[in-house]
Amino acid sequence: MNRREALFSLSGIVASLAVAPQLRAKELHNVPLETQLSADHLPQPAWQDGYQVLTNPLDRQNLQAIFDRLIPADKLGPSATEAGCIEFLDNQLAGDYGSGASLYLQAPLHPENEEKMMGSPQFLSAPKERYLTGLKALESWALKNHQSSFHALNAEQVDNFLTKMEDGKIDLGAEVNSQAFFELMLQNAREGYLADPIYGGNKNMVGWKMIGFPGARYDYRPYIERRNENLALIPVSLIPND
């Protein structure tokens, strides 16, 4: 039984009990089960309306240059952007994650306190603002130091930049903590590569196939006792199948 069939059967059982609560189990087969699963109750795939935050093509090109060095294409799978990590990120930045809904961002904010607690003042603004500010600073740095856009740098130059950025040795201006920005991009690239495809990334479940994760399956009980065995399960996404 696939997930869609399971949802219909579950809704049918609930409906039958509501219609005829006094019937015995053996009599339920005569009860008509006319149920309909509304489309707005099904999970909806993200990123159906195009880019909402990363609307500047230059920002996306520069971000691609970074993401594809963090997770490059190889014999095991496609690169980060080929797997949809930028689409995943845009969807996240357009929602509660991007607005920092779970963060306390009310004034007064003291960078020195963040420095003491976290090692870097990385929570003084929401992720959406951090990306837009950081990508702008990234382009300015490339124009100043290489007289070209960041995405025009070769792989060796990008790797050198990211190594220094991770060590906090790149100056992107007073508004951007380069080390914290690197950590944010690395985290989001990983999330986009391994999250359920319904969120925009992990296209064709390439990340799951690479690590052998079977996905959002309805039931694992048939496999619980089959230890140390390659089950060869095809990954399943939350995206509804008609």
Foldseek 3Di string as FASTA:
>chain_A
DFPVVVVLVVLQVVVLCVVCVPDDPVPSVPDDRDDDDDPVVAQAFPDPPHFDQPPDVLLVLLLCLQQCLLAPDDPLGHTLVVQQLVSLVRRCLVDCQVQVVVADQDDDDDQVVCCVPPVGSQRNGGNSVQSVLQSVLQQVVCCVPPVDGNSPDDNVVSVVVLVCLCVQNDDSDDVHRSNSSSVVSSVSSVCQCQPFCSSGGCVVVSSCVSVVNQEDTPDCVVCPPVPPDNPPHHHDGSRDDD
